[in-house]
């Protein structure tokens, strides 16, 4: 099965033709003794859409020539309004799509971009059930294992 390479983002901006093509940021917070993970809902198919790519951590494409750490911070800010520096997660880095982690303060006010229409903070097990496709869920699982064993 071959996958067509995307050359532009959903809003028409160019995607780097060379890897890494983008970054995912697993954002978590601790609230009243429990850990919660942030998931965003993509607005493209409407608020009731629950299929592939509907729910996932903040993530996005790298622009041509952009440093990957800058991409992760920019995407986090654009999608959530969080002006914080996520950390690369070496154990979960793929050549094409590295994973970053970030512990957010609590409470955590968010400001969504036009790309997303809602968000939720969920415990790991519930978050895992919402994330698709499998490749995103697997990267999320690796990041959470790293968070759970200590930063």
C-alpha atoms as a PDB file:
ATOM      1  CA  UNK A   1       0.000   0.000   0.000  1.00  0.00           C
ATOM      2  CA  UNK A   2       1.549   3.324  -0.991  1.00  0.00           C
ATOM      3  CA  UNK A   3       0.796   6.609   0.658  1.00  0.00           C
ATOM      4  CA  UNK A   4       0.779   9.858  -1.269  1.00  0.00           C
ATOM      5  CA  UNK A   5       3.299  12.351   0.138  1.00  0.00           C
ATOM      6  CA  UNK A   6       1.671  15.544   1.250  1.00  0.00           C
ATOM      7  CA  UNK A   7       3.393  18.701   0.056  1.00  0.00           C
ATOM      8  CA  UNK A   8       1.192  21.265   1.818  1.00  0.00           C
ATOM      9  CA  UNK A   9      -0.640  21.589   5.113  1.00  0.00           C
ATOM     10  CA  UNK A  10      -4.442  21.696   5.360  1.00  0.00           C
ATOM     11  CA  UNK A  11      -4.226  25.491   5.089  1.00  0.00           C
ATOM     12  CA  UNK A  12      -1.886  25.536   2.075  1.00  0.00           C
ATOM     13  CA  UNK A  13       1.535  26.060   3.697  1.00  0.00           C
ATOM     14  CA  UNK A  14       4.508  24.063   2.394  1.00  0.00           C
ATOM     15  CA  UNK A  15       5.682  20.917   4.214  1.00  0.00           C
ATOM     16  CA  UNK A  16       9.369  20.095   4.325  1.00  0.00           C
ATOM     17  CA  UNK A  17      10.140  17.580   1.564  1.00  0.00           C
ATOM     18  CA  UNK A  18      12.972  16.166   3.696  1.00  0.00           C
ATOM     19  CA  UNK A  19      12.562  14.425   7.055  1.00  0.00           C
ATOM     20  CA  UNK A  20      11.610  15.098   9.684  1.00  0.00           C
ATOM     21  CA  UNK A  21       8.295  16.143   8.198  1.00  0.00           C
ATOM     22  CA  UNK A  22       6.731  17.234  11.486  1.00  0.00           C
ATOM     23  CA  UNK A  23       6.421  16.663  15.218  1.00  0.00           C
ATOM     24  CA  UNK A  24       3.923  15.405  17.775  1.00  0.00           C
ATOM     25  CA  UNK A  25       3.765  16.888  21.287  1.00  0.00           C
ATOM     26  CA  UNK A  26       2.376  14.786  24.136  1.00  0.00           C
ATOM     27  CA  UNK A  27       1.112  17.299  26.697  1.00  0.00           C
ATOM     28  CA  UNK A  28       0.211  16.191  30.202  1.00  0.00           C
ATOM     29  CA  UNK A  29      -0.689  17.744  33.524  1.00  0.00           C
ATOM     30  CA  UNK A  30      -1.272  16.537  37.069  1.00  0.00           C
ATOM     31  CA  UNK A  31      -4.608  17.484  38.612  1.00  0.00           C
ATOM     32  CA  UNK A  32      -5.695  16.435  42.094  1.00  0.00           C
ATOM     33  CA  UNK A  33      -3.409  13.417  42.147  1.00  0.00           C
ATOM     34  CA  UNK A  34      -4.163  12.138  38.663  1.00  0.00           C
ATOM     35  CA  UNK A  35      -2.360  12.553  35.357  1.00  0.00           C
ATOM     36  CA  UNK A  36      -4.253  13.795  32.314  1.00  0.00           C
ATOM     37  CA  UNK A  37      -3.232  13.990  28.650  1.00  0.00           C
ATOM     38  CA  UNK A  38      -4.347  16.591  26.142  1.00  0.00           C
ATOM     39  CA  UNK A  39      -6.119  15.550  22.961  1.00  0.00           C
ATOM     40  CA  UNK A  40      -7.358  17.895  20.248  1.00  0.00           C
ATOM     41  CA  UNK A  41     -10.261  17.258  17.879  1.00  0.00           C
ATOM     42  CA  UNK A  42      -9.691  18.205  14.238  1.00  0.00           C
ATOM     43  CA  UNK A  43     -12.406  20.470  12.869  1.00  0.00           C
ATOM     44  CA  UNK A  44     -12.146  19.393   9.198  1.00  0.00           C
ATOM     45  CA  UNK A  45     -15.076  16.946   9.250  1.00  0.00           C
ATOM     46  CA  UNK A  46     -17.216  18.681  11.875  1.00  0.00           C
ATOM     47  CA  UNK A  47     -17.577  18.376  15.645  1.00  0.00           C
ATOM     48  CA  UNK A  48     -19.201  14.910  15.554  1.00  0.00           C
ATOM     49  CA  UNK A  49     -16.514  13.225  13.443  1.00  0.00           C
ATOM     50  CA  UNK A  50     -14.927  10.299  15.280  1.00  0.00           C
ATOM     51  CA  UNK A  51     -12.940   8.535  12.546  1.00  0.00           C
ATOM     52  CA  UNK A  52      -9.217   8.356  11.754  1.00  0.00           C
ATOM     53  CA  UNK A  53      -7.253  11.493  12.675  1.00  0.00           C
ATOM     54  CA  UNK A  54     -10.227  12.931  14.614  1.00  0.00           C
ATOM     55  CA  UNK A  55      -8.475  12.980  18.022  1.00  0.00           C
ATOM     56  CA  UNK A  56      -4.795  13.242  18.799  1.00  0.00           C
ATOM     57  CA  UNK A  57      -2.074  15.157  20.592  1.00  0.00           C
ATOM     58  CA  UNK A  58      -0.952  18.523  19.223  1.00  0.00           C
ATOM     59  CA  UNK A  59       1.134  17.931  16.125  1.00  0.00           C
ATOM     60  CA  UNK A  60       1.972  19.416  12.806  1.00  0.00           C
ATOM     61  CA  UNK A  61       4.154  19.742   9.785  1.00  0.00           C
ATOM     62  CA  UNK A  62       7.645  21.203   9.597  1.00  0.00           C
ATOM     63  CA  UNK A  63       8.198  23.988   7.088  1.00  0.00           C
ATOM     64  CA  UNK A  64      11.081  23.719   4.621  1.00  0.00           C
ATOM     65  CA  UNK A  65      14.317  24.726   6.418  1.00  0.00           C
ATOM     66  CA  UNK A  66      12.664  24.945   9.856  1.00  0.00           C
ATOM     67  CA  UNK A  67      14.483  23.327  12.791  1.00  0.00           C
ATOM     68  CA  UNK A  68      12.451  20.470  14.240  1.00  0.00           C
ATOM     69  CA  UNK A  69      12.570  21.848  17.820  1.00  0.00           C
ATOM     70  CA  UNK A  70      11.208  25.143  16.504  1.00  0.00           C
ATOM     71  CA  UNK A  71       8.493  23.259  14.612  1.00  0.00           C
ATOM     72  CA  UNK A  72       7.360  21.486  17.806  1.00  0.00           C
ATOM     73  CA  UNK A  73       7.205  24.732  19.790  1.00  0.00           C
ATOM     74  CA  UNK A  74       5.424  26.573  16.958  1.00  0.00           C
ATOM     75  CA  UNK A  75       2.832  23.841  16.467  1.00  0.00           C
ATOM     76  CA  UNK A  76       2.159  23.669  20.193  1.00  0.00           C
ATOM     77  CA  UNK A  77       1.629  27.422  20.311  1.00  0.00           C
ATOM     78  CA  UNK A  78      -0.468  27.593  17.135  1.00  0.00           C
ATOM     79  CA  UNK A  79      -2.759  24.738  18.140  1.00  0.00           C
ATOM     80  CA  UNK A  80      -3.133  25.388  21.881  1.00  0.00           C
ATOM     81  CA  UNK A  81      -1.827  28.860  22.705  1.00  0.00           C
ATOM     82  CA  UNK A  82       0.751  27.288  25.053  1.00  0.00           C
ATOM     83  CA  UNK A  83       3.976  29.254  24.741  1.00  0.00           C
ATOM     84  CA  UNK A  84       6.181  26.580  26.316  1.00  0.00           C
ATOM     85  CA  UNK A  85       9.179  24.559  25.127  1.00  0.00           C
ATOM     86  CA  UNK A  86       8.462  20.855  24.686  1.00  0.00           C
ATOM     87  CA  UNK A  87      11.329  18.389  25.137  1.00  0.00           C
ATOM     88  CA  UNK A  88      12.342  15.931  22.445  1.00  0.00           C
ATOM     89  CA  UNK A  89      11.815  12.343  23.454  1.00  0.00           C
ATOM     90  CA  UNK A  90      14.765  10.338  22.112  1.00  0.00           C
ATOM     91  CA  UNK A  91      13.101   6.984  22.778  1.00  0.00           C
ATOM     92  CA  UNK A  92      10.146   7.909  20.569  1.00  0.00           C
ATOM     93  CA  UNK A  93      11.922   9.794  17.819  1.00  0.00           C
ATOM     94  CA  UNK A  94      11.280   8.502  14.361  1.00  0.00           C
ATOM     95  CA  UNK A  95      13.275   9.791  11.476  1.00  0.00           C
ATOM     96  CA  UNK A  96      10.193  11.289   9.889  1.00  0.00           C
ATOM     97  CA  UNK A  97       8.040  12.354  12.853  1.00  0.00           C
ATOM     98  CA  UNK A  98       9.726  12.918  16.248  1.00  0.00           C
ATOM     99  CA  UNK A  99       7.772  13.008  19.490  1.00  0.00           C
ATOM    100  CA  UNK A 100       8.085  15.688  22.176  1.00  0.00           C
ATOM    101  CA  UNK A 101       6.719  15.838  25.711  1.00  0.00           C
ATOM    102  CA  UNK A 102       5.588  18.710  27.879  1.00  0.00           C
ATOM    103  CA  UNK A 103       4.196  18.953  31.387  1.00  0.00           C
ATOM    104  CA  UNK A 104       1.687  21.791  31.358  1.00  0.00           C
ATOM    105  CA  UNK A 105       0.753  23.802  34.430  1.00  0.00           C
ATOM    106  CA  UNK A 106      -2.614  23.268  36.021  1.00  0.00           C
ATOM    107  CA  UNK A 107      -4.963  24.959  35.448  1.00  0.00           C
ATOM    108  CA  UNK A 108      -4.092  25.139  31.764  1.00  0.00           C
ATOM    109  CA  UNK A 109      -5.955  27.742  29.702  1.00  0.00           C
ATOM    110  CA  UNK A 110      -5.946  26.822  26.013  1.00  0.00           C
ATOM    111  CA  UNK A 111      -6.683  28.769  22.850  1.00  0.00           C
ATOM    112  CA  UNK A 112      -7.459  26.514  19.892  1.00  0.00           C
ATOM    113  CA  UNK A 113      -6.589  27.302  16.285  1.00  0.00           C
ATOM    114  CA  UNK A 114      -9.074  27.022  13.421  1.00  0.00           C
ATOM    115  CA  UNK A 115      -7.733  23.510  12.797  1.00  0.00           C
ATOM    116  CA  UNK A 116      -9.397  22.209  15.978  1.00  0.00           C
ATOM    117  CA  UNK A 117     -12.887  22.600  17.377  1.00  0.00           C
ATOM    118  CA  UNK A 118     -12.494  21.058  20.837  1.00  0.00           C
ATOM    119  CA  UNK A 119     -10.104  19.500  23.315  1.00  0.00           C
ATOM    120  CA  UNK A 120     -10.184  17.145  26.279  1.00  0.00           C
ATOM    121  CA  UNK A 121      -7.868  16.246  29.150  1.00  0.00           C
ATOM    122  CA  UNK A 122      -8.113  12.496  29.745  1.00  0.00           C
ATOM    123  CA  UNK A 123      -6.430   9.782  31.778  1.00  0.00           C
ATOM    124  CA  UNK A 124      -4.072   7.625  29.703  1.00  0.00           C
ATOM    125  CA  UNK A 125      -6.457   4.701  29.119  1.00  0.00           C
ATOM    126  CA  UNK A 126      -9.276   6.943  27.909  1.00  0.00           C
ATOM    127  CA  UNK A 127      -6.956   9.016  25.721  1.00  0.00           C
ATOM    128  CA  UNK A 128      -5.562   5.884  24.125  1.00  0.00           C
ATOM    129  CA  UNK A 129      -9.063   4.750  23.123  1.00  0.00           C
ATOM    130  CA  UNK A 130      -9.701   8.001  21.207  1.00  0.00           C
ATOM    131  CA  UNK A 131      -6.424   8.282  19.281  1.00  0.00           C
ATOM    132  CA  UNK A 132      -6.235   6.975  15.732  1.00  0.00           C
ATOM    133  CA  UNK A 133      -4.628   5.935  13.459  1.00  0.00           C
ATOM    134  CA  UNK A 134      -2.455   3.229  14.998  1.00  0.00           C
ATOM    135  CA  UNK A 135       0.850   4.959  14.188  1.00  0.00           C
ATOM    136  CA  UNK A 136      -0.168   7.980  16.288  1.00  0.00           C
ATOM    137  CA  UNK A 137      -1.484   5.787  19.108  1.00  0.00           C
ATOM    138  CA  UNK A 138       1.789   3.803  19.213  1.00  0.00           C
ATOM    139  CA  UNK A 139       3.925   6.974  19.390  1.00  0.00           C
ATOM    140  CA  UNK A 140       1.644   8.291  22.149  1.00  0.00           C
ATOM    141  CA  UNK A 141       2.083   5.030  24.096  1.00  0.00           C
ATOM    142  CA  UNK A 142       5.885   5.270  23.922  1.00  0.00           C
ATOM    143  CA  UNK A 143       5.800   8.870  25.146  1.00  0.00           C
ATOM    144  CA  UNK A 144       3.449   8.043  28.016  1.00  0.00           C
ATOM    145  CA  UNK A 145       5.692   5.189  29.156  1.00  0.00           C
ATOM    146  CA  UNK A 146       8.531   7.714  29.328  1.00  0.00           C
ATOM    147  CA  UNK A 147       6.399  10.155  31.315  1.00  0.00           C
ATOM    148  CA  UNK A 148       5.212   7.459  33.711  1.00  0.00           C
ATOM    149  CA  UNK A 149       8.702   6.156  34.524  1.00  0.00           C
ATOM    150  CA  UNK A 150       9.951   9.664  35.224  1.00  0.00           C
ATOM    151  CA  UNK A 151      11.155  12.667  33.299  1.00  0.00           C
END
